[in-house]
Amino acid sequence: MHIPRFVIAGERSGVGKSTITVGILLALKARGLEPQAFKAGPDFLDPMHHSAVLGKPSHNLDTWMFRDQVVPSFVRGSKGSQISVIEGVMGLYDGLDGRSEEGSTSHLAKVLKAPVVLVLDASSSSRSVGAVALGFKDYDPEVNIVGVIFNNVAGPSHLAMLRDSLRGMECLGGVPSEAAVELKSRHLGLVPAAEDLDMARYARIQALIEEHVDLDRIIELASTAPEIGPRRELSATRRKRPRTRIGLAWDEAFNFYYEGNLDHLRSLGAEVVRFSPIRDPLPEVDGLYFGGGYPELFARQLEANSATREQVRKASADGMPIYAECGGMMYTCDAVRDMNGRRLNMTGIFDVDVEMTDRLQAIGYIEMEARKDNAMSLKGWTTRGHEFHFSRVCCTGNEDFAYDMKRGKGMWENKDGLLAHNTLASYAHLHFASCPDFARRFVTSCVYARRR
């Protein structure tokens, strides 16, 4: 298949690639090109902004978590679009570690055979930025860097110097610094789009890109990408007739989900039913899926809905399959202690508290092996994922854990995944393209629970 495509990469985090990506997506949409957005790596927040401006889901692609499924996932996600835009993660070459390219934007660009547009921060610099660009191009000649967008440009004369500093690369634009268009951030990254849905800001970003970026040339460069086709498809890609109902926690507190995970559950025969633990009663379902998010910011509201907290606790005690990740895991514990020391009650499935900290507790890719059979896996099954949190679980050592950590920190003494009844709650974020058997077992567990 010929899919016009390009990667927007940064020299590092914080250079403005998220804002520039949103502006380019809007500008391409305004031209009637039906762009499709993707995000490199495990981030949940940038895809929310992609989805908000395009009105359709953005998809994550990760060469470390699910290398074999990157190309088929990309091809599948690009159907119906005329151009695909992949936003990078961190700096272009940042990935698993200092030696391996796995998980990096550069590796993804090579796997997808996609040209790269490099975003460089030009503030407080001029000709030296040309040396940075040359270093990025020469670091790995197999990465096809086709042009540069300068960000935080002081004016026309500054841009002229920046353009003249480039060697063997095109200048595709120079975006001036404008604080009013910056996307807001907090401790885990960007503020979720639903919380900060400012269409006027998006419109200003679009206008800035249309005025200062050469979109015509970027479209031409995207069309130079060679044909690409699927390698090995996931065994379950077509939706089956619904055979079970899974409740999906979805509101201000819980909204960190990979669209690919939800698609995979549906393809296995699950009807995904959204509900809000803040406002709604528990729906009539056979299983529950609590994703990550910011429950610590909405702990008062979660505590106030005591009826739903009790329903979830009772459902767990009755053996309903429940899977909870990170923020969702916090909701399954006895209480959350916020930064002011206030203790706010959660569901109490697990008799432990979670306390928020002012320091990052864990970040990065993880590998785990199941210690025993559970609702998601059988003993000995392995998976890859990632962890990122500013909290810690006050474990005593008497807890029942699902996983041994082969890579990463986990929850307590190289273990993760609290187990009780048929509930599994962990710090790990999983993408089911990395572990399709986990998704299949979870759906099967829900089907069995329905038939009991």
Protein backbone atom coordinates (compact mmCIF):
# COMPACT_ATOMS: atom_id res chain seq x y z
CA MET A 1 0.00 0.00 0.00
CA HIS A 2 1.16 3.53 -0.69
CA ILE A 3 0.49 5.60 2.43
CA PRO A 4 1.85 9.16 2.41
CA ARG A 5 3.38 9.63 5.84
CA PHE A 6 5.94 11.49 7.90
CA VAL A 7 7.29 11.61 11.43
CA ILE A 8 7.49 14.80 13.50
CA ALA A 9 10.49 14.36 15.79
CA GLY A 10 12.18 16.58 18.36
CA GLU A 11 15.77 17.11 19.39
CA ARG A 12 14.48 16.46 22.94
CA SER A 13 11.33 16.70 25.01
CA GLY A 14 9.88 20.17 25.40
CA VAL A 15 10.81 21.62 22.00
CA GLY A 16 7.17 22.07 21.00
CA LYS A 17 6.59 19.05 18.77
CA SER A 18 3.19 18.35 20.37
CA THR A 19 1.91 21.85 19.60
CA ILE A 20 3.37 21.77 16.09
CA THR A 21 1.85 18.32 15.47
CA VAL A 22 -1.61 19.53 16.53
CA GLY A 23 -1.28 22.55 14.24
CA ILE A 24 -0.19 20.45 11.27
CA LEU A 25 -3.04 17.97 11.82
CA LEU A 26 -5.57 20.81 11.84
CA ALA A 27 -4.03 22.45 8.77
CA LEU A 28 -4.06 19.16 6.83
CA LYS A 29 -7.66 18.54 7.88
CA ALA A 30 -8.61 22.03 6.69
CA ARG A 31 -7.23 21.08 3.27
CA GLY A 32 -9.53 18.06 3.15
CA LEU A 33 -6.74 15.48 3.38
CA GLU A 34 -8.31 13.40 6.20
CA PRO A 35 -5.06 12.97 8.18
CA GLN A 36 -4.60 10.06 10.57
CA ALA A 37 -2.55 10.62 13.72
CA PHE A 38 -0.20 8.22 15.49
CA LYS A 39 2.03 8.58 18.55
CA ALA A 40 5.42 6.95 19.01
CA GLY A 41 5.91 5.24 22.34
CA PRO A 42 3.65 4.60 25.31
CA ASP A 43 2.30 8.12 25.96
CA PHE A 44 -1.47 8.50 26.52
CA LEU A 45 -1.78 12.29 26.56
CA ASP A 46 -0.63 13.48 23.13
CA PRO A 47 -3.05 11.07 21.39
CA MET A 48 -5.92 12.68 23.33
CA HIS A 49 -5.15 16.01 21.66
CA HIS A 50 -4.79 14.33 18.26
CA SER A 51 -8.19 12.70 18.72
CA ALA A 52 -9.78 15.94 19.92
CA VAL A 53 -8.76 17.94 16.85
CA LEU A 54 -9.42 15.19 14.28
CA GLY A 55 -12.59 13.74 15.78
CA LYS A 56 -11.24 10.18 15.50
CA PRO A 57 -8.86 8.04 17.57
CA SER A 58 -5.10 8.39 17.43
CA HIS A 59 -3.05 5.19 17.73
CA ASN A 60 0.17 4.36 19.58
CA LEU A 61 3.06 2.58 17.86
CA ASP A 62 5.94 1.17 19.89
CA THR A 63 8.89 -0.77 18.51
CA TRP A 64 9.88 -2.15 21.91
CA MET A 65 6.51 -3.21 23.30
CA PHE A 66 5.17 -4.73 20.06
CA ARG A 67 7.74 -4.55 17.27
CA ASP A 68 6.09 -7.26 15.11
CA GLN A 69 2.74 -5.49 15.14
CA VAL A 70 3.91 -1.95 14.33
CA VAL A 71 3.50 -2.17 10.55
CA PRO A 72 0.12 -3.99 10.52
CA SER A 73 -1.17 -1.63 13.24
CA PHE A 74 -0.05 1.36 11.20
CA VAL A 75 -1.59 0.07 7.97
CA ARG A 76 -4.83 -0.82 9.72
CA GLY A 77 -5.00 2.57 11.43
CA SER A 78 -4.26 4.48 8.22
CA LYS A 79 -7.22 3.08 6.30
CA GLY A 80 -9.51 5.82 5.05
CA SER A 81 -6.94 8.60 5.42
CA GLN A 82 -4.90 10.37 2.77
CA ILE A 83 -1.86 11.16 4.90
CA SER A 84 -0.54 9.77 8.18
CA VAL A 85 1.24 11.90 10.76
CA ILE A 86 3.36 10.21 13.44
CA GLU A 87 4.36 12.31 16.44
CA GLY A 88 7.63 11.20 17.99
CA VAL A 89 8.49 10.65 21.64
CA MET A 90 11.17 12.56 23.60
CA GLY A 91 14.23 13.21 21.42
CA LEU A 92 14.58 11.51 18.03
CA TYR A 93 17.09 8.90 19.25
CA ASP A 94 15.82 8.45 22.83
CA GLY A 95 14.49 4.95 23.52
CA LEU A 96 15.09 1.91 25.66
CA ASP A 97 18.59 2.90 26.82
CA GLY A 98 21.76 4.64 25.70
CA ARG A 99 22.79 1.92 23.24
CA SER A 100 19.66 0.38 21.77
CA GLU A 101 17.43 2.15 19.25
CA GLU A 102 14.39 0.11 20.35
CA GLY A 103 11.45 2.20 21.42
CA SER A 104 12.86 5.36 19.85
CA THR A 105 11.29 7.64 17.27
CA SER A 106 14.23 6.94 14.96
CA HIS A 107 13.62 3.18 15.12
CA LEU A 108 9.93 3.66 14.39
CA ALA A 109 10.74 5.91 11.42
CA LYS A 110 13.00 3.20 9.99
CA VAL A 111 10.44 0.44 10.54
CA LEU A 112 7.75 2.54 8.82
CA LYS A 113 10.19 3.81 6.15
CA ALA A 114 8.90 7.28 6.91
CA PRO A 115 10.63 10.62 6.27
CA VAL A 116 11.36 12.65 9.40
CA VAL A 117 10.72 16.33 10.02
CA LEU A 118 12.94 17.46 12.89
CA VAL A 119 11.74 20.18 15.29
CA LEU A 120 14.59 22.26 16.75
CA ASP A 121 14.33 24.84 19.52
CA ALA A 122 15.99 27.97 18.14
CA SER A 123 15.63 30.15 21.23
CA SER A 124 18.86 31.88 22.31
CA SER A 125 20.77 30.40 19.37
CA SER A 126 21.36 30.84 15.64
CA ARG A 127 24.10 29.19 13.53
CA SER A 128 24.85 26.62 16.24
CA VAL A 129 21.43 25.07 15.63
CA GLY A 130 22.70 24.09 12.18
CA ALA A 131 25.41 22.02 13.87
CA VAL A 132 22.75 20.32 15.99
CA ALA A 133 20.75 19.48 12.88
CA LEU A 134 23.82 18.09 11.11
CA GLY A 135 24.67 15.96 14.13
CA PHE A 136 21.18 14.48 14.16
CA LYS A 137 21.37 13.70 10.44
CA ASP A 138 24.80 12.07 10.64
CA TYR A 139 24.17 10.13 13.87
CA ASP A 140 22.23 7.46 11.95
CA PRO A 141 22.31 7.85 8.15
CA GLU A 142 19.50 5.28 7.84
CA VAL A 143 17.09 7.76 9.42
CA ASN A 144 15.68 9.87 6.59
CA ILE A 145 15.61 13.40 8.03
CA VAL A 146 14.16 15.44 5.17
CA GLY A 147 13.76 18.83 6.79
CA VAL A 148 13.72 21.02 9.85
CA ILE A 149 11.09 23.17 11.52
CA PHE A 150 12.58 25.76 13.84
CA ASN A 151 10.52 26.65 16.91
CA ASN A 152 10.72 29.80 19.05
CA VAL A 153 12.04 31.96 16.22
CA ALA A 154 12.60 35.62 17.15
CA GLY A 155 11.80 37.07 13.72
CA PRO A 156 12.59 37.08 9.95
CA SER A 157 16.29 37.90 10.35
CA HIS A 158 16.69 35.17 12.97
CA LEU A 159 14.99 32.67 10.67
CA ALA A 160 17.29 33.70 7.79
CA MET A 161 20.35 32.89 9.89
CA LEU A 162 18.84 29.58 10.96
CA ARG A 163 18.01 28.63 7.38
CA ASP A 164 21.54 29.50 6.23
CA SER A 165 23.05 27.34 8.97
CA LEU A 166 21.59 24.10 7.59
CA ARG A 167 23.77 21.70 5.61
CA GLY A 168 22.04 19.15 3.39
CA MET A 169 18.58 19.71 4.89
CA GLU A 170 15.63 21.89 4.01
CA CYS A 171 14.11 24.51 6.25
CA LEU A 172 10.40 23.73 6.35
CA GLY A 173 9.42 26.63 8.57
CA GLY A 174 10.14 28.84 11.51
CA VAL A 175 7.47 29.14 14.18
CA PRO A 176 7.62 32.21 16.43
CA SER A 177 7.37 31.90 20.19
CA GLU A 178 3.82 32.48 21.40
CA ALA A 179 2.93 31.45 24.94
CA ALA A 180 -0.82 31.66 24.25
CA VAL A 181 -0.71 28.53 22.07
CA GLU A 182 1.25 26.26 24.41
CA LEU A 183 -0.58 23.12 25.56
CA LYS A 184 -0.81 22.97 29.36
CA SER A 185 1.11 20.34 31.34
CA ARG A 186 1.13 18.75 34.78
CA HIS A 187 3.16 16.03 36.56
CA LEU A 188 2.49 13.18 34.09
CA GLY A 189 2.67 15.33 30.94
CA LEU A 190 0.08 17.29 29.00
CA VAL A 191 -3.25 18.03 30.63
CA PRO A 192 -5.83 15.66 29.05
CA ALA A 193 -7.61 17.28 26.11
CA ALA A 194 -11.05 16.81 27.66
CA GLU A 195 -10.01 18.87 30.71
CA ASP A 196 -8.47 21.64 28.65
CA LEU A 197 -10.60 21.65 25.51
CA ASP A 198 -9.86 25.14 24.25
CA MET A 199 -10.89 25.24 20.59
CA ALA A 200 -9.78 28.86 20.33
CA ARG A 201 -6.25 27.80 21.32
CA TYR A 202 -6.31 25.01 18.75
CA ALA A 203 -7.42 27.55 16.11
CA ARG A 204 -4.51 29.86 17.02
CA ILE A 205 -2.10 26.94 16.74
CA GLN A 206 -3.51 26.08 13.30
CA ALA A 207 -3.18 29.69 12.11
CA LEU A 208 0.41 29.85 13.35
CA ILE A 209 1.36 26.68 11.46
CA GLU A 210 -0.41 27.71 8.27
CA GLU A 211 1.45 31.04 8.29
CA HIS A 212 4.92 29.81 9.21
CA VAL A 213 5.28 26.20 7.98
CA ASP A 214 5.60 25.03 4.35
CA LEU A 215 2.75 22.52 4.33
CA ASP A 216 2.86 22.03 0.56
CA ARG A 217 6.45 20.84 0.76
CA ILE A 218 5.74 18.59 3.75
CA ILE A 219 2.90 16.95 1.81
CA GLU A 220 5.28 16.40 -1.13
CA LEU A 221 7.89 14.84 1.16
CA ALA A 222 5.29 12.59 2.80
CA SER A 223 4.37 11.27 -0.64
CA THR A 224 7.94 10.09 -1.21
CA ALA A 225 7.55 7.37 1.43
CA PRO A 226 7.72 3.92 -0.24
CA GLU A 227 4.96 1.34 -0.26
CA ILE A 228 4.35 -0.48 3.00
CA GLY A 229 2.38 -3.59 3.83
CA PRO A 230 1.41 -5.72 6.82
CA ARG A 231 3.86 -8.29 8.14
CA ARG A 232 2.05 -10.46 10.65
CA GLU A 233 -1.48 -9.65 11.76
CA LEU A 234 -2.84 -10.22 15.24
CA SER A 235 -4.89 -13.39 15.23
CA ALA A 236 -8.00 -11.48 16.29
CA THR A 237 -8.63 -8.38 14.16
CA ARG A 238 -12.25 -8.71 13.05
CA ARG A 239 -14.97 -7.94 15.53
CA LYS A 240 -16.90 -10.92 16.75
CA ARG A 241 -20.48 -10.94 17.84
CA PRO A 242 -20.55 -9.58 21.43
CA ARG A 243 -20.48 -12.42 23.94
CA THR A 244 -19.64 -10.48 27.10
CA ARG A 245 -19.90 -6.95 28.49
CA ILE A 246 -16.91 -5.18 30.02
CA GLY A 247 -17.38 -1.97 31.97
CA LEU A 248 -14.78 0.67 31.10
CA ALA A 249 -14.11 3.38 33.70
CA TRP A 250 -14.09 6.61 31.70
CA ASP A 251 -14.24 10.12 33.14
CA GLU A 252 -11.95 12.87 34.43
CA ALA A 253 -10.20 10.43 36.80
CA PHE A 254 -9.71 7.51 34.40
CA ASN A 255 -8.94 8.08 30.72
CA PHE A 256 -5.52 6.57 29.97
CA TYR A 257 -6.38 3.90 27.41
CA TYR A 258 -4.81 2.70 24.18
CA GLU A 259 -7.37 2.67 21.40
CA GLY A 260 -5.74 -0.55 20.19
CA ASN A 261 -6.59 -2.23 23.50
CA LEU A 262 -10.27 -1.36 23.20
CA ASP A 263 -10.34 -2.49 19.56
CA HIS A 264 -8.72 -5.77 20.55
CA LEU A 265 -11.25 -6.46 23.30
CA ARG A 266 -14.07 -5.79 20.84
CA SER A 267 -12.46 -8.06 18.25
CA LEU A 268 -12.53 -10.85 20.83
CA GLY A 269 -16.25 -10.44 21.41
CA ALA A 270 -16.42 -7.89 24.22
CA GLU A 271 -18.96 -5.09 24.27
CA VAL A 272 -17.17 -2.17 25.94
CA VAL A 273 -19.54 -0.17 28.15
CA ARG A 274 -18.29 3.19 29.42
CA PHE A 275 -19.27 4.50 32.85
CA SER A 276 -18.01 7.13 35.28
CA PRO A 277 -16.93 6.00 38.77
CA ILE A 278 -17.38 9.65 39.78
CA ARG A 279 -21.04 9.97 38.72
CA ASP A 280 -22.55 6.66 37.63
CA PRO A 281 -23.70 3.44 39.28
CA LEU A 282 -22.02 0.24 38.18
CA PRO A 283 -23.50 -0.90 34.85
CA GLU A 284 -24.72 -4.44 34.16
CA VAL A 285 -21.44 -6.00 33.06
CA ASP A 286 -19.43 -9.21 33.41
CA GLY A 287 -16.04 -7.59 34.02
CA LEU A 288 -14.40 -4.23 34.72
CA TYR A 289 -11.40 -2.41 33.21
CA PHE A 290 -9.97 0.57 35.10
CA GLY A 291 -7.28 2.41 33.14
CA GLY A 292 -4.84 5.00 34.37
CA GLY A 293 -5.45 8.68 34.85
CA TYR A 294 -5.51 11.21 37.65
CA PRO A 295 -7.61 9.73 40.47
CA GLU A 296 -5.54 11.71 42.97
CA LEU A 297 -6.95 14.96 41.53
CA PHE A 298 -10.53 13.69 41.72
CA ALA A 299 -10.27 11.61 44.88
CA ARG A 300 -12.92 13.67 46.71
CA GLN A 301 -15.44 13.05 43.94
CA LEU A 302 -14.57 9.35 43.78
CA GLU A 303 -14.93 9.06 47.55
CA ALA A 304 -18.28 10.88 47.42
CA ASN A 305 -19.77 8.21 45.13
CA SER A 306 -19.81 5.66 47.95
CA ALA A 307 -22.54 3.57 46.33
CA THR A 308 -20.41 2.77 43.28
CA ARG A 309 -17.33 2.15 45.42
CA GLU A 310 -19.30 -0.42 47.39
CA GLN A 311 -20.69 -1.99 44.20
CA VAL A 312 -17.18 -2.41 42.80
CA ARG A 313 -15.91 -3.87 46.08
CA LYS A 314 -18.80 -6.35 46.20
CA ALA A 315 -18.36 -7.28 42.51
CA SER A 316 -14.74 -8.14 43.24
CA ALA A 317 -15.68 -10.20 46.30
CA ASP A 318 -18.22 -12.07 44.16
CA GLY A 319 -15.48 -13.04 41.69
CA MET A 320 -16.08 -10.60 38.83
CA PRO A 321 -12.92 -10.29 36.68
CA ILE A 322 -11.46 -6.81 37.26
CA TYR A 323 -8.33 -5.43 35.64
CA ALA A 324 -6.88 -2.12 36.87
CA GLU A 325 -3.79 -0.23 35.72
CA CYS A 326 -1.88 2.43 37.69
CA GLY A 327 -4.52 5.08 38.47
CA GLY A 328 -7.13 2.36 38.26
CA MET A 329 -5.07 0.32 40.70
CA MET A 330 -5.21 3.24 43.15
CA TYR A 331 -9.02 3.09 43.05
CA THR A 332 -8.98 -0.59 44.04
CA CYS A 333 -6.98 0.14 47.20
CA ASP A 334 -8.30 1.12 50.61
CA ALA A 335 -7.49 4.80 50.33
CA VAL A 336 -5.42 7.47 48.56
CA ARG A 337 -3.34 9.90 50.62
CA ASP A 338 -2.88 13.17 48.77
CA MET A 339 0.08 15.57 48.97
CA ASN A 340 -1.51 17.28 52.00
CA GLY A 341 -1.78 14.02 53.93
CA ARG A 342 -5.54 13.77 53.55
CA ARG A 343 -6.80 10.19 53.42
CA LEU A 344 -9.60 9.65 50.90
CA ASN A 345 -11.43 6.32 50.80
CA MET A 346 -11.47 4.21 47.64
CA THR A 347 -13.05 0.76 47.05
CA GLY A 348 -11.03 -1.23 49.59
CA ILE A 349 -10.61 -4.33 47.44
CA PHE A 350 -7.00 -4.35 48.66
CA ASP A 351 -6.18 -3.47 52.25
CA VAL A 352 -3.37 -1.05 51.40
CA ASP A 353 -3.11 2.73 51.01
CA VAL A 354 -1.53 4.61 48.13
CA GLU A 355 0.33 7.81 48.90
CA MET A 356 1.18 10.56 46.45
CA THR A 357 4.77 11.82 46.43
CA ASP A 358 6.45 14.94 45.09
CA ARG A 359 9.06 12.83 43.32
CA LEU A 360 8.79 10.52 40.34
CA GLN A 361 8.79 6.94 41.68
CA ALA A 362 9.20 5.02 38.41
CA ILE A 363 9.32 5.61 34.68
CA GLY A 364 10.28 3.42 31.74
CA TYR A 365 9.73 0.14 29.97
CA ILE A 366 9.11 -3.01 31.97
CA GLU A 367 9.07 -6.78 31.49
CA MET A 368 7.10 -9.11 33.74
CA GLU A 369 6.47 -12.82 34.23
CA ALA A 370 3.28 -14.16 35.82
CA ARG A 371 3.90 -15.81 39.19
CA LYS A 372 0.55 -17.63 39.19
CA ASP A 373 -2.66 -18.00 37.21
CA ASN A 374 -4.99 -14.99 37.28
CA ALA A 375 -7.75 -13.30 35.27
CA MET A 376 -5.22 -11.96 32.74
CA SER A 377 -2.53 -14.62 32.44
CA LEU A 378 -1.31 -18.09 33.30
CA LYS A 379 1.79 -18.79 35.36
CA GLY A 380 4.91 -18.31 33.26
CA TRP A 381 3.37 -15.95 30.71
CA THR A 382 5.49 -12.88 30.00
CA THR A 383 4.71 -9.42 28.72
CA ARG A 384 6.22 -6.03 28.10
CA GLY A 385 4.74 -2.72 29.16
CA HIS A 386 5.68 0.51 30.89
CA GLU A 387 5.36 2.30 34.23
CA PHE A 388 5.14 6.01 35.10
CA HIS A 389 3.89 7.24 38.46
CA PHE A 390 4.34 9.70 41.33
CA SER A 391 2.83 7.44 43.97
CA ARG A 392 3.74 4.41 46.05
CA VAL A 393 1.72 1.59 47.54
CA CYS A 394 2.17 1.08 51.29
CA CYS A 395 2.75 -2.67 51.11
CA THR A 396 3.35 -4.83 54.16
CA GLY A 397 4.78 -7.87 52.39
CA ASN A 398 1.68 -9.97 53.01
CA GLU A 399 0.10 -9.09 49.68
CA ASP A 400 -0.47 -11.61 46.91
CA PHE A 401 1.39 -10.51 43.77
CA ALA A 402 0.76 -11.49 40.15
CA TYR A 403 4.11 -10.66 38.53
CA ASP A 404 7.85 -10.92 38.97
CA MET A 405 9.63 -7.95 37.43
CA LYS A 406 12.30 -8.87 34.87
CA ARG A 407 12.81 -5.20 34.03
CA GLY A 408 11.54 -2.14 35.88
CA LYS A 409 10.70 -1.27 39.46
CA GLY A 410 7.22 -2.65 40.03
CA MET A 411 5.29 -2.19 43.25
CA TRP A 412 7.27 -3.92 45.99
CA GLU A 413 10.56 -5.86 46.01
CA ASN A 414 10.56 -6.48 42.25
CA LYS A 415 6.95 -7.64 42.24
CA ASP A 416 3.81 -6.07 40.84
CA GLY A 417 0.13 -6.82 40.43
CA LEU A 418 -2.02 -7.08 43.53
CA LEU A 419 -4.31 -10.12 43.46
CA ALA A 420 -7.57 -10.70 45.33
CA HIS A 421 -10.52 -12.87 44.24
CA ASN A 422 -10.54 -12.38 40.45
CA THR A 423 -9.11 -8.84 40.57
CA LEU A 424 -5.67 -7.84 39.25
CA ALA A 425 -4.37 -4.32 39.90
CA SER A 426 -0.86 -3.19 38.98
CA TYR A 427 1.32 -0.21 38.13
CA ALA A 428 1.99 -1.76 34.72
CA HIS A 429 0.44 -0.26 31.60
CA LEU A 430 -0.02 -2.98 28.96
CA HIS A 431 -0.63 -2.70 25.23
CA PHE A 432 -2.46 -5.82 24.08
CA ALA A 433 -0.50 -5.89 20.81
CA SER A 434 2.39 -6.94 23.04
CA CYS A 435 0.36 -9.59 24.87
CA PRO A 436 -2.73 -10.65 22.88
CA ASP A 437 -3.11 -13.76 25.03
CA PHE A 438 -3.65 -11.54 28.09
CA ALA A 439 -6.57 -9.80 26.38
CA ARG A 440 -7.98 -13.15 25.23
CA ARG A 441 -7.80 -14.62 28.73
CA PHE A 442 -9.45 -11.53 30.24
CA VAL A 443 -12.35 -11.72 27.79
CA THR A 444 -12.65 -15.47 28.39
CA SER A 445 -12.71 -14.84 32.15
CA CYS A 446 -15.56 -12.37 31.65
CA VAL A 447 -17.47 -14.83 29.45
CA TYR A 448 -17.12 -17.51 32.11
CA ALA A 449 -18.26 -15.07 34.82
CA ARG A 450 -21.36 -14.28 32.74
CA ARG A 451 -22.30 -17.94 32.40
CA ARG A 452 -21.93 -18.77 36.09
